N, C-alpha and C. Protein backbone atom coordinates (compact mmCIF):
# COMPACT_ATOMS: atom_id res chain seq x y z
N MET A 1 95.32 -88.08 25.05
CA MET A 1 96.04 -89.34 25.05
C MET A 1 96.21 -89.81 23.59
N ALA A 2 97.37 -90.27 23.26
CA ALA A 2 97.65 -90.75 21.91
C ALA A 2 97.10 -92.16 21.76
N SER A 3 96.16 -92.31 20.84
CA SER A 3 95.55 -93.62 20.63
C SER A 3 96.45 -94.48 19.75
N THR A 4 96.14 -95.76 19.72
CA THR A 4 96.94 -96.70 18.93
C THR A 4 96.93 -96.35 17.44
N PRO A 5 95.77 -96.03 16.83
CA PRO A 5 95.82 -95.65 15.41
C PRO A 5 96.62 -94.38 15.14
N ALA A 6 96.58 -93.43 16.08
CA ALA A 6 97.35 -92.19 15.89
C ALA A 6 98.84 -92.48 15.94
N VAL A 7 99.25 -93.35 16.86
CA VAL A 7 100.67 -93.71 16.96
C VAL A 7 101.10 -94.50 15.73
N ALA A 8 100.23 -95.39 15.26
CA ALA A 8 100.56 -96.16 14.05
C ALA A 8 100.69 -95.24 12.85
N SER A 9 99.82 -94.24 12.76
CA SER A 9 99.90 -93.27 11.67
C SER A 9 101.19 -92.46 11.76
N LEU A 10 101.54 -92.06 12.96
CA LEU A 10 102.80 -91.32 13.17
C LEU A 10 103.99 -92.18 12.76
N TYR A 11 103.97 -93.45 13.13
CA TYR A 11 105.05 -94.37 12.79
C TYR A 11 105.18 -94.51 11.26
N ARG A 12 104.05 -94.68 10.58
CA ARG A 12 104.07 -94.79 9.12
C ARG A 12 104.60 -93.53 8.47
N ARG A 13 104.18 -92.37 8.98
CA ARG A 13 104.66 -91.11 8.43
C ARG A 13 106.16 -90.96 8.65
N CYS A 14 106.66 -91.41 9.79
CA CYS A 14 108.10 -91.37 10.04
C CYS A 14 108.85 -92.25 9.04
N LEU A 15 108.32 -93.43 8.80
CA LEU A 15 108.97 -94.33 7.84
C LEU A 15 108.95 -93.74 6.43
N LYS A 16 107.82 -93.17 6.03
CA LYS A 16 107.73 -92.59 4.69
C LYS A 16 108.66 -91.39 4.54
N LEU A 17 108.76 -90.60 5.60
CA LEU A 17 109.66 -89.45 5.55
C LEU A 17 111.11 -89.90 5.44
N SER A 18 111.48 -90.93 6.19
CA SER A 18 112.86 -91.42 6.09
C SER A 18 113.13 -92.02 4.72
N LEU A 19 112.10 -92.59 4.09
CA LEU A 19 112.26 -93.14 2.74
C LEU A 19 112.49 -92.02 1.72
N ASP A 20 111.93 -90.83 1.98
CA ASP A 20 112.18 -89.70 1.09
C ASP A 20 113.64 -89.28 1.11
N TRP A 21 114.29 -89.41 2.25
CA TRP A 21 115.68 -88.97 2.38
C TRP A 21 116.70 -90.05 2.02
N ALA A 22 116.32 -91.31 2.08
CA ALA A 22 117.26 -92.41 1.81
C ALA A 22 117.40 -92.61 0.30
N VAL A 23 118.62 -92.80 -0.14
CA VAL A 23 118.87 -93.00 -1.56
C VAL A 23 118.64 -94.47 -1.92
N HIS A 24 119.10 -95.37 -1.08
CA HIS A 24 118.98 -96.79 -1.35
C HIS A 24 118.15 -97.47 -0.26
N ARG A 25 117.53 -98.55 -0.64
CA ARG A 25 116.67 -99.26 0.29
C ARG A 25 117.45 -99.86 1.45
N TYR A 26 118.66 -100.32 1.25
CA TYR A 26 119.44 -100.91 2.34
C TYR A 26 119.86 -99.84 3.36
N ILE A 27 120.00 -98.60 2.92
CA ILE A 27 120.26 -97.50 3.87
C ILE A 27 118.99 -97.21 4.66
N TRP A 28 117.86 -97.20 3.98
CA TRP A 28 116.59 -96.91 4.63
C TRP A 28 116.25 -97.98 5.67
N ARG A 29 116.61 -99.20 5.41
CA ARG A 29 116.29 -100.29 6.35
C ARG A 29 116.92 -100.04 7.72
N GLY A 30 118.16 -99.58 7.74
CA GLY A 30 118.80 -99.24 9.01
C GLY A 30 118.09 -98.10 9.72
N GLN A 31 117.64 -97.12 8.96
CA GLN A 31 116.89 -96.01 9.55
C GLN A 31 115.54 -96.49 10.09
N ALA A 32 114.90 -97.41 9.38
CA ALA A 32 113.61 -97.94 9.82
C ALA A 32 113.76 -98.71 11.13
N VAL A 33 114.83 -99.48 11.26
CA VAL A 33 115.08 -100.21 12.50
C VAL A 33 115.33 -99.23 13.64
N TYR A 34 116.04 -98.15 13.38
CA TYR A 34 116.29 -97.14 14.41
C TYR A 34 114.99 -96.46 14.84
N ILE A 35 114.15 -96.11 13.88
CA ILE A 35 112.85 -95.49 14.20
C ILE A 35 112.01 -96.44 15.03
N ARG A 36 112.01 -97.72 14.66
CA ARG A 36 111.24 -98.71 15.44
C ARG A 36 111.77 -98.79 16.87
N SER A 37 113.08 -98.73 17.06
CA SER A 37 113.64 -98.79 18.41
C SER A 37 113.23 -97.58 19.24
N LEU A 38 113.11 -96.41 18.59
CA LEU A 38 112.65 -95.21 19.30
C LEU A 38 111.20 -95.38 19.77
N PHE A 39 110.37 -95.92 18.90
CA PHE A 39 108.97 -96.13 19.27
C PHE A 39 108.85 -97.20 20.35
N ASP A 40 109.63 -98.26 20.23
CA ASP A 40 109.59 -99.33 21.24
C ASP A 40 110.09 -98.85 22.59
N ALA A 41 111.03 -97.93 22.61
CA ALA A 41 111.56 -97.43 23.87
C ALA A 41 110.52 -96.63 24.66
N ASN A 42 109.54 -96.08 23.97
CA ASN A 42 108.53 -95.26 24.63
C ASN A 42 107.16 -95.90 24.71
N LYS A 43 107.05 -97.18 24.37
CA LYS A 43 105.73 -97.80 24.37
C LYS A 43 105.22 -98.13 25.77
N HIS A 44 106.08 -98.09 26.77
CA HIS A 44 105.65 -98.40 28.13
C HIS A 44 105.03 -97.19 28.83
N ILE A 45 105.11 -96.01 28.23
CA ILE A 45 104.59 -94.78 28.86
C ILE A 45 103.07 -94.79 28.83
N ARG A 46 102.46 -94.65 30.01
CA ARG A 46 101.00 -94.69 30.14
C ARG A 46 100.42 -93.34 30.57
N GLU A 47 101.26 -92.42 30.99
CA GLU A 47 100.80 -91.11 31.45
C GLU A 47 100.36 -90.28 30.24
N PRO A 48 99.09 -89.85 30.21
CA PRO A 48 98.59 -89.11 29.03
C PRO A 48 99.37 -87.84 28.71
N ARG A 49 99.82 -87.12 29.72
CA ARG A 49 100.58 -85.89 29.46
C ARG A 49 101.92 -86.20 28.79
N GLN A 50 102.59 -87.24 29.26
CA GLN A 50 103.86 -87.62 28.65
C GLN A 50 103.64 -88.12 27.22
N GLN A 51 102.57 -88.88 27.02
CA GLN A 51 102.26 -89.37 25.68
C GLN A 51 102.01 -88.20 24.73
N ARG A 52 101.22 -87.24 25.20
CA ARG A 52 100.90 -86.08 24.38
C ARG A 52 102.17 -85.29 24.05
N ALA A 53 103.04 -85.13 25.03
CA ALA A 53 104.29 -84.39 24.81
C ALA A 53 105.18 -85.12 23.80
N LEU A 54 105.29 -86.44 23.92
CA LEU A 54 106.09 -87.21 22.96
C LEU A 54 105.48 -87.13 21.56
N PHE A 55 104.17 -87.20 21.50
CA PHE A 55 103.49 -87.15 20.21
C PHE A 55 103.72 -85.79 19.54
N GLN A 56 103.59 -84.71 20.31
CA GLN A 56 103.82 -83.37 19.75
C GLN A 56 105.28 -83.17 19.35
N GLU A 57 106.18 -83.71 20.13
CA GLU A 57 107.60 -83.61 19.79
C GLU A 57 107.90 -84.32 18.48
N ALA A 58 107.31 -85.51 18.32
CA ALA A 58 107.51 -86.26 17.08
C ALA A 58 106.88 -85.53 15.89
N GLU A 59 105.72 -84.92 16.07
CA GLU A 59 105.09 -84.15 15.00
C GLU A 59 105.98 -82.97 14.59
N GLN A 60 106.59 -82.30 15.57
CA GLN A 60 107.48 -81.18 15.26
C GLN A 60 108.72 -81.66 14.51
N LEU A 61 109.24 -82.82 14.89
CA LEU A 61 110.40 -83.36 14.18
C LEU A 61 110.04 -83.71 12.74
N LEU A 62 108.85 -84.26 12.55
CA LEU A 62 108.41 -84.58 11.18
C LEU A 62 108.33 -83.30 10.35
N GLU A 63 107.79 -82.26 10.93
CA GLU A 63 107.68 -80.99 10.20
C GLU A 63 109.05 -80.41 9.90
N THR A 64 109.98 -80.55 10.85
CA THR A 64 111.33 -80.03 10.66
C THR A 64 112.07 -80.78 9.55
N TRP A 65 111.91 -82.10 9.50
CA TRP A 65 112.65 -82.93 8.56
C TRP A 65 111.90 -83.20 7.26
N LYS A 66 110.81 -82.49 7.02
CA LYS A 66 110.03 -82.73 5.81
C LYS A 66 110.89 -82.48 4.58
N HIS A 67 110.85 -83.39 3.64
CA HIS A 67 111.66 -83.29 2.43
C HIS A 67 111.06 -82.25 1.48
N PRO A 68 111.89 -81.38 0.87
CA PRO A 68 111.35 -80.37 -0.04
C PRO A 68 110.80 -80.96 -1.34
N ASP A 69 111.29 -82.14 -1.72
CA ASP A 69 110.82 -82.79 -2.94
C ASP A 69 110.58 -84.27 -2.62
N PRO A 70 109.46 -84.60 -1.97
CA PRO A 70 109.24 -85.98 -1.54
C PRO A 70 109.07 -86.94 -2.72
N TYR A 71 109.39 -88.20 -2.46
CA TYR A 71 109.28 -89.23 -3.49
C TYR A 71 107.81 -89.50 -3.79
N ARG A 72 107.51 -89.57 -5.07
CA ARG A 72 106.18 -89.98 -5.52
C ARG A 72 106.37 -91.09 -6.55
N PRO A 73 105.59 -92.15 -6.45
CA PRO A 73 105.69 -93.18 -7.48
C PRO A 73 105.42 -92.56 -8.85
N PRO A 74 106.15 -92.98 -9.88
CA PRO A 74 106.03 -92.32 -11.19
C PRO A 74 104.62 -92.30 -11.76
N THR A 75 103.83 -93.34 -11.53
CA THR A 75 102.49 -93.38 -12.12
C THR A 75 101.42 -92.78 -11.21
N ALA A 76 101.80 -92.28 -10.05
CA ALA A 76 100.84 -91.65 -9.14
C ALA A 76 100.62 -90.20 -9.54
N PRO A 77 99.50 -89.59 -9.12
CA PRO A 77 99.31 -88.17 -9.43
C PRO A 77 100.48 -87.34 -8.91
N GLY A 78 101.02 -86.52 -9.78
CA GLY A 78 102.19 -85.73 -9.44
C GLY A 78 103.49 -86.41 -9.83
N GLY A 79 103.42 -87.67 -10.25
CA GLY A 79 104.61 -88.41 -10.66
C GLY A 79 105.00 -88.06 -12.09
N SER A 80 106.19 -88.46 -12.49
CA SER A 80 106.70 -88.09 -13.80
C SER A 80 106.01 -88.82 -14.95
N LYS A 81 105.36 -89.95 -14.69
CA LYS A 81 104.70 -90.69 -15.75
C LYS A 81 103.17 -90.66 -15.63
N TYR A 82 102.67 -89.79 -14.76
CA TYR A 82 101.22 -89.74 -14.55
C TYR A 82 100.51 -89.29 -15.83
N GLU A 83 99.56 -90.07 -16.26
CA GLU A 83 98.76 -89.83 -17.47
C GLU A 83 99.62 -89.70 -18.72
N ARG A 84 100.73 -90.44 -18.77
CA ARG A 84 101.61 -90.31 -19.93
C ARG A 84 101.01 -90.94 -21.17
N ASN A 85 100.48 -92.14 -21.08
CA ASN A 85 99.94 -92.82 -22.25
C ASN A 85 98.44 -93.05 -22.09
N ILE A 86 97.72 -91.97 -21.93
CA ILE A 86 96.28 -92.11 -21.78
C ILE A 86 95.67 -92.40 -23.14
N PRO A 87 94.55 -93.11 -23.18
CA PRO A 87 93.94 -93.41 -24.47
C PRO A 87 93.49 -92.13 -25.18
N ALA A 88 93.57 -92.15 -26.49
CA ALA A 88 93.18 -90.98 -27.28
C ALA A 88 91.67 -90.77 -27.17
N PRO A 89 91.25 -89.52 -27.20
CA PRO A 89 89.80 -89.26 -27.14
C PRO A 89 89.12 -89.72 -28.43
N ILE A 90 87.86 -90.02 -28.34
CA ILE A 90 87.09 -90.45 -29.51
C ILE A 90 86.78 -89.21 -30.34
N LEU A 91 87.28 -89.18 -31.56
CA LEU A 91 87.13 -88.00 -32.42
C LEU A 91 86.11 -88.21 -33.54
N ASP A 92 85.35 -89.28 -33.50
CA ASP A 92 84.33 -89.52 -34.52
C ASP A 92 83.26 -88.43 -34.41
N PRO A 93 82.75 -87.98 -35.53
CA PRO A 93 81.68 -86.99 -35.46
C PRO A 93 80.43 -87.62 -34.87
N PRO A 94 79.57 -86.82 -34.29
CA PRO A 94 78.35 -87.38 -33.72
C PRO A 94 77.47 -87.95 -34.84
N PRO A 95 76.67 -88.95 -34.53
CA PRO A 95 75.81 -89.54 -35.58
C PRO A 95 74.80 -88.51 -36.10
N HIS A 96 74.48 -88.64 -37.39
CA HIS A 96 73.54 -87.71 -38.00
C HIS A 96 72.13 -88.00 -37.47
N MET A 97 71.46 -86.95 -37.08
CA MET A 97 70.11 -87.11 -36.54
C MET A 97 69.11 -86.50 -37.52
N THR A 98 68.09 -87.24 -37.82
CA THR A 98 67.01 -86.73 -38.69
C THR A 98 65.80 -86.47 -37.80
N LEU A 99 65.26 -85.30 -37.96
CA LEU A 99 64.09 -84.95 -37.15
C LEU A 99 62.86 -84.89 -37.96
């Protein structure tokens, strides 16, 4: 049976995937409303087998539509500005030790 957190995670992944394909935010908003309508249309299903089948179908669609170059925020790991202006390492020599 698909639990509420699993469905919420699937919904978020669908939205993020559609954001990878949308060029502009106003285009993505229409896609987000459509995705929400798809989830709302199936929220009345209580049969575990049907829920599992819908969940697996949605997982397969996500895998099919996965973007080859997903969007990453520029400052996130893997982004174009990640670690761009990191502080310089300390290059002072170690203090002299007398033994």
